PDB file of N, CA and C in Angstrom:
ATOM      1  N   MET A   1     -42.499   6.885   4.209  1.00  0.00           N
ATOM      2  CA  MET A   1     -42.169   7.675   3.035  1.00  0.00           C
ATOM      3  C   MET A   1     -41.060   6.966   2.259  1.00  0.00           C
ATOM      4  N   ARG A   2     -41.338   6.646   1.024  1.00  0.00           N
ATOM      5  CA  ARG A   2     -40.350   5.982   0.180  1.00  0.00           C
ATOM      6  C   ARG A   2     -39.746   7.003  -0.769  1.00  0.00           C
ATOM      7  N   VAL A   3     -38.423   6.949  -0.908  1.00  0.00           N
ATOM      8  CA  VAL A   3     -37.707   7.860  -1.798  1.00  0.00           C
ATOM      9  C   VAL A   3     -37.580   7.180  -3.158  1.00  0.00           C
ATOM     10  N   PRO A   4     -37.931   7.883  -4.234  1.00  0.00           N
ATOM     11  CA  PRO A   4     -37.784   7.292  -5.570  1.00  0.00           C
ATOM     12  C   PRO A   4     -36.314   6.958  -5.853  1.00  0.00           C
ATOM     13  N   ILE A   5     -36.104   5.889  -6.577  1.00  0.00           N
ATOM     14  CA  ILE A   5     -34.748   5.421  -6.866  1.00  0.00           C
ATOM     15  C   ILE A   5     -33.959   6.440  -7.676  1.00  0.00           C
ATOM     16  N   TRP A   6     -34.613   7.168  -8.570  1.00  0.00           N
ATOM     17  CA  TRP A   6     -33.895   8.160  -9.368  1.00  0.00           C
ATOM     18  C   TRP A   6     -33.409   9.310  -8.499  1.00  0.00           C
ATOM     19  N   LEU A   7     -34.189   9.678  -7.470  1.00  0.00           N
ATOM     20  CA  LEU A   7     -33.782  10.748  -6.569  1.00  0.00           C
ATOM     21  C   LEU A   7     -32.605  10.297  -5.710  1.00  0.00           C
ATOM     22  N   LEU A   8     -32.661   9.077  -5.240  1.00  0.00           N
ATOM     23  CA  LEU A   8     -31.572   8.536  -4.436  1.00  0.00           C
ATOM     24  C   LEU A   8     -30.292   8.401  -5.252  1.00  0.00           C
ATOM     25  N   SER A   9     -30.398   7.920  -6.486  1.00  0.00           N
ATOM     26  CA  SER A   9     -29.210   7.766  -7.328  1.00  0.00           C
ATOM     27  C   SER A   9     -28.628   9.123  -7.710  1.00  0.00           C
ATOM     28  N   THR A  10     -29.467  10.131  -7.930  1.00  0.00           N
ATOM     29  CA  THR A  10     -28.971  11.481  -8.215  1.00  0.00           C
ATOM     30  C   THR A  10     -28.225  12.044  -7.019  1.00  0.00           C
ATOM     31  N   PHE A  11     -28.749  11.828  -5.837  1.00  0.00           N
ATOM     32  CA  PHE A  11     -28.101  12.300  -4.621  1.00  0.00           C
ATOM     33  C   PHE A  11     -26.738  11.629  -4.430  1.00  0.00           C
ATOM     34  N   VAL A  12     -26.665  10.334  -4.656  1.00  0.00           N
ATOM     35  CA  VAL A  12     -25.395   9.612  -4.526  1.00  0.00           C
ATOM     36  C   VAL A  12     -24.404  10.092  -5.574  1.00  0.00           C
ATOM     37  N   LEU A  13     -24.864  10.335  -6.785  1.00  0.00           N
ATOM     38  CA  LEU A  13     -23.992  10.827  -7.843  1.00  0.00           C
ATOM     39  C   LEU A  13     -23.447  12.211  -7.509  1.00  0.00           C
ATOM     40  N   LEU A  14     -24.279  13.079  -6.968  1.00  0.00           N
ATOM     41  CA  LEU A  14     -23.820  14.411  -6.572  1.00  0.00           C
ATOM     42  C   LEU A  14     -22.803  14.336  -5.441  1.00  0.00           C
ATOM     43  N   LEU A  15     -23.019  13.447  -4.487  1.00  0.00           N
ATOM     44  CA  LEU A  15     -22.048  13.287  -3.405  1.00  0.00           C
ATOM     45  C   LEU A  15     -20.710  12.775  -3.920  1.00  0.00           C
ATOM     46  N   ALA A  16     -20.736  11.939  -4.932  1.00  0.00           N
ATOM     47  CA  ALA A  16     -19.503  11.376  -5.478  1.00  0.00           C
ATOM     48  C   ALA A  16     -18.695  12.413  -6.245  1.00  0.00           C
ATOM     49  N   THR A  17     -19.343  13.469  -6.752  1.00  0.00           N
ATOM     50  CA  THR A  17     -18.622  14.466  -7.536  1.00  0.00           C
ATOM     51  C   THR A  17     -17.940  15.517  -6.678  1.00  0.00           C
ATOM     52  N   PHE A  18     -18.369  15.685  -5.444  1.00  0.00           N
ATOM     53  CA  PHE A  18     -17.741  16.674  -4.579  1.00  0.00           C
ATOM     54  C   PHE A  18     -16.457  16.111  -3.981  1.00  0.00           C
ATOM     55  N   PRO A  19     -15.443  16.964  -3.789  1.00  0.00           N
ATOM     56  CA  PRO A  19     -14.202  16.475  -3.184  1.00  0.00           C
ATOM     57  C   PRO A  19     -14.448  16.021  -1.747  1.00  0.00           C
ATOM     58  N   SER A  20     -13.753  14.974  -1.369  1.00  0.00           N
ATOM     59  CA  SER A  20     -13.972  14.402  -0.040  1.00  0.00           C
ATOM     60  C   SER A  20     -13.032  14.984   1.007  1.00  0.00           C
ATOM     61  N   GLY A  21     -12.220  15.943   0.647  1.00  0.00           N
ATOM     62  CA  GLY A  21     -11.283  16.518   1.601  1.00  0.00           C
ATOM     63  C   GLY A  21      -9.904  15.886   1.518  1.00  0.00           C
ATOM     64  N   VAL A  22      -9.780  14.823   0.756  1.00  0.00           N
ATOM     65  CA  VAL A  22      -8.483  14.180   0.584  1.00  0.00           C
ATOM     66  C   VAL A  22      -7.763  14.909  -0.539  1.00  0.00           C
ATOM     67  N   HIS A  23      -6.578  15.365  -0.260  1.00  0.00           N
ATOM     68  CA  HIS A  23      -5.818  16.112  -1.253  1.00  0.00           C
ATOM     69  C   HIS A  23      -5.015  15.152  -2.121  1.00  0.00           C
ATOM     70  N   ALA A  24      -4.852  15.522  -3.363  1.00  0.00           N
ATOM     71  CA  ALA A  24      -4.042  14.713  -4.270  1.00  0.00           C
ATOM     72  C   ALA A  24      -2.571  14.840  -3.891  1.00  0.00           C
ATOM     73  N   ALA A  25      -1.786  13.884  -4.328  1.00  0.00           N
ATOM     74  CA  ALA A  25      -0.355  13.906  -4.035  1.00  0.00           C
ATOM     75  C   ALA A  25       0.280  15.119  -4.708  1.00  0.00           C
ATOM     76  N   SER A  26       1.232  15.709  -4.038  1.00  0.00           N
ATOM     77  CA  SER A  26       1.882  16.890  -4.599  1.00  0.00           C
ATOM     78  C   SER A  26       2.813  16.478  -5.731  1.00  0.00           C
ATOM     79  N   ASP A  27       3.159  17.446  -6.563  1.00  0.00           N
ATOM     80  CA  ASP A  27       4.042  17.172  -7.692  1.00  0.00           C
ATOM     81  C   ASP A  27       5.475  16.921  -7.239  1.00  0.00           C
ATOM     82  N   ASN A  28       5.848  17.459  -6.089  1.00  0.00           N
ATOM     83  CA  ASN A  28       7.200  17.293  -5.571  1.00  0.00           C
ATOM     84  C   ASN A  28       7.176  16.306  -4.407  1.00  0.00           C
ATOM     85  N   PRO A  29       7.550  15.050  -4.651  1.00  0.00           N
ATOM     86  CA  PRO A  29       7.516  14.084  -3.552  1.00  0.00           C
ATOM     87  C   PRO A  29       8.605  14.381  -2.528  1.00  0.00           C
ATOM     88  N   LYS A  30       8.306  14.106  -1.279  1.00  0.00           N
ATOM     89  CA  LYS A  30       9.279  14.300  -0.214  1.00  0.00           C
ATOM     90  C   LYS A  30      10.099  13.021  -0.087  1.00  0.00           C
ATOM     91  N   LEU A  31      11.409  13.139  -0.242  1.00  0.00           N
ATOM     92  CA  LEU A  31      12.291  11.989  -0.137  1.00  0.00           C
ATOM     93  C   LEU A  31      12.739  11.843   1.308  1.00  0.00           C
ATOM     94  N   THR A  32      12.602  10.650   1.840  1.00  0.00           N
ATOM     95  CA  THR A  32      13.019  10.375   3.211  1.00  0.00           C
ATOM     96  C   THR A  32      14.043   9.254   3.194  1.00  0.00           C
ATOM     97  N   PRO A  33      14.998   9.273   4.118  1.00  0.00           N
ATOM     98  CA  PRO A  33      16.019   8.222   4.131  1.00  0.00           C
ATOM     99  C   PRO A  33      15.446   6.896   4.624  1.00  0.00           C
ATOM    100  N   LEU A  34      16.044   5.816   4.166  1.00  0.00           N
ATOM    101  CA  LEU A  34      15.671   4.482   4.609  1.00  0.00           C
ATOM    102  C   LEU A  34      16.746   3.999   5.567  1.00  0.00           C
ATOM    103  N   VAL A  35      16.350   3.673   6.775  1.00  0.00           N
ATOM    104  CA  VAL A  35      17.290   3.221   7.794  1.00  0.00           C
ATOM    105  C   VAL A  35      16.987   1.761   8.096  1.00  0.00           C
ATOM    106  N   ALA A  36      18.030   0.912   8.048  1.00  0.00           N
ATOM    107  CA  ALA A  36      17.836  -0.512   8.313  1.00  0.00           C
ATOM    108  C   ALA A  36      19.039  -1.058   9.065  1.00  0.00           C
ATOM    109  N   GLU A  37      18.805  -2.121   9.817  1.00  0.00           N
ATOM    110  CA  GLU A  37      19.871  -2.806  10.541  1.00  0.00           C
ATOM    111  C   GLU A  37      19.811  -4.289  10.224  1.00  0.00           C
ATOM    112  N   ILE A  38      20.969  -4.933  10.255  1.00  0.00           N
ATOM    113  CA  ILE A  38      21.029  -6.375  10.100  1.00  0.00           C
ATOM    114  C   ILE A  38      20.863  -6.996  11.476  1.00  0.00           C
ATOM    115  N   ILE A  39      19.851  -7.833  11.647  1.00  0.00           N
ATOM    116  CA  ILE A  39      19.608  -8.472  12.937  1.00  0.00           C
ATOM    117  C   ILE A  39      20.596  -9.606  13.152  1.00  0.00           C
ATOM    118  N   ALA A  40      20.770 -10.440  12.146  1.00  0.00           N
ATOM    119  CA  ALA A  40      21.709 -11.557  12.226  1.00  0.00           C
ATOM    120  C   ALA A  40      22.373 -11.712  10.864  1.00  0.00           C
ATOM    121  N   PRO A  41      23.679 -11.980  10.837  1.00  0.00           N
ATOM    122  CA  PRO A  41      24.345 -12.142   9.538  1.00  0.00           C
ATOM    123  C   PRO A  41      23.880 -13.431   8.852  1.00  0.00           C
ATOM    124  N   PRO A  42      23.881 -13.461   7.517  1.00  0.00           N
ATOM    125  CA  PRO A  42      23.464 -14.671   6.809  1.00  0.00           C
ATOM    126  C   PRO A  42      24.495 -15.791   6.978  1.00  0.00           C
ATOM    127  N   HIS A  43      24.015 -17.041   6.937  1.00  0.00           N
ATOM    128  CA  HIS A  43      24.881 -18.207   7.082  1.00  0.00           C
ATOM    129  C   HIS A  43      24.734 -19.090   5.848  1.00  0.00           C
ATOM    130  N   VAL A  44      25.869 -19.672   5.407  1.00  0.00           N
ATOM    131  CA  VAL A  44      25.845 -20.596   4.278  1.00  0.00           C
ATOM    132  C   VAL A  44      25.643 -22.000   4.830  1.00  0.00           C
ATOM    133  N   ILE A  45      24.623 -22.694   4.326  1.00  0.00           N
ATOM    134  CA  ILE A  45      24.266 -24.035   4.786  1.00  0.00           C
ATOM    135  C   ILE A  45      24.286 -24.967   3.575  1.00  0.00           C
ATOM    136  N   PRO A  46      24.949 -26.130   3.701  1.00  0.00           N
ATOM    137  CA  PRO A  46      24.881 -27.091   2.585  1.00  0.00           C
ATOM    138  C   PRO A  46      23.487 -27.725   2.524  1.00  0.00           C
ATOM    139  N   GLY A  47      22.890 -27.703   1.352  1.00  0.00           N
ATOM    140  CA  GLY A  47      21.547 -28.252   1.188  1.00  0.00           C
ATOM    141  C   GLY A  47      21.574 -29.716   0.804  1.00  0.00           C
ATOM    142  N   SER A  48      20.420 -30.358   0.855  1.00  0.00           N
ATOM    143  CA  SER A  48      20.326 -31.777   0.502  1.00  0.00           C
ATOM    144  C   SER A  48      20.478 -31.999  -0.998  1.00  0.00           C
ATOM    145  N   ASP A  49      20.418 -30.911  -1.785  1.00  0.00           N
ATOM    146  CA  ASP A  49      20.588 -31.018  -3.226  1.00  0.00           C
ATOM    147  C   ASP A  49      22.038 -30.859  -3.654  1.00  0.00           C
ATOM    148  N   GLY A  50      22.964 -30.784  -2.678  1.00  0.00           N
ATOM    149  CA  GLY A  50      24.382 -30.661  -2.983  1.00  0.00           C
ATOM    150  C   GLY A  50      24.827 -29.230  -3.243  1.00  0.00           C
ATOM    151  N   ARG A  51      23.936 -28.281  -3.148  1.00  0.00           N
ATOM    152  CA  ARG A  51      24.279 -26.877  -3.363  1.00  0.00           C
ATOM    153  C   ARG A  51      24.325 -26.156  -2.032  1.00  0.00           C
ATOM    154  N   ARG A  52      24.997 -25.002  -2.016  1.00  0.00           N
ATOM    155  CA  ARG A  52      25.050 -24.186  -0.803  1.00  0.00           C
ATOM    156  C   ARG A  52      23.944 -23.144  -0.858  1.00  0.00           C
ATOM    157  N   HIS A  53      23.261 -22.973   0.265  1.00  0.00           N
ATOM    158  CA  HIS A  53      22.154 -22.027   0.360  1.00  0.00           C
ATOM    159  C   HIS A  53      22.450 -21.018   1.460  1.00  0.00           C
ATOM    160  N   ILE A  54      22.011 -19.788   1.247  1.00  0.00           N
ATOM    161  CA  ILE A  54      22.180 -18.744   2.256  1.00  0.00           C
ATOM    162  C   ILE A  54      20.918 -18.701   3.100  1.00  0.00           C
ATOM    163  N   VAL A  55      21.097 -18.825   4.403  1.00  0.00           N
ATOM    164  CA  VAL A  55      19.986 -18.771   5.346  1.00  0.00           C
ATOM    165  C   VAL A  55      20.043 -17.422   6.037  1.00  0.00           C
ATOM    166  N   TYR A  56      18.961 -16.699   6.020  1.00  0.00           N
ATOM    167  CA  TYR A  56      18.903 -15.396   6.677  1.00  0.00           C
ATOM    168  C   TYR A  56      17.543 -15.223   7.313  1.00  0.00           C
ATOM    169  N   GLU A  57      17.480 -14.317   8.271  1.00  0.00           N
ATOM    170  CA  GLU A  57      16.221 -14.040   8.963  1.00  0.00           C
ATOM    171  C   GLU A  57      15.836 -12.608   8.752  1.00  0.00           C
TER     172      GLU A  57
END
């Protein structure tokens, strides 16, 4: 049994119009704090170009 292309495309179009259960983002975003630590302090290294460069990880 072969399904006509117009019937298949109509079915796909109808599926695309229904909500997928994913909710849109709310108008009031939740703000969360950012927590970070320095693993190693930066070091100043003289470069081959005669300038000082900061090396960090």
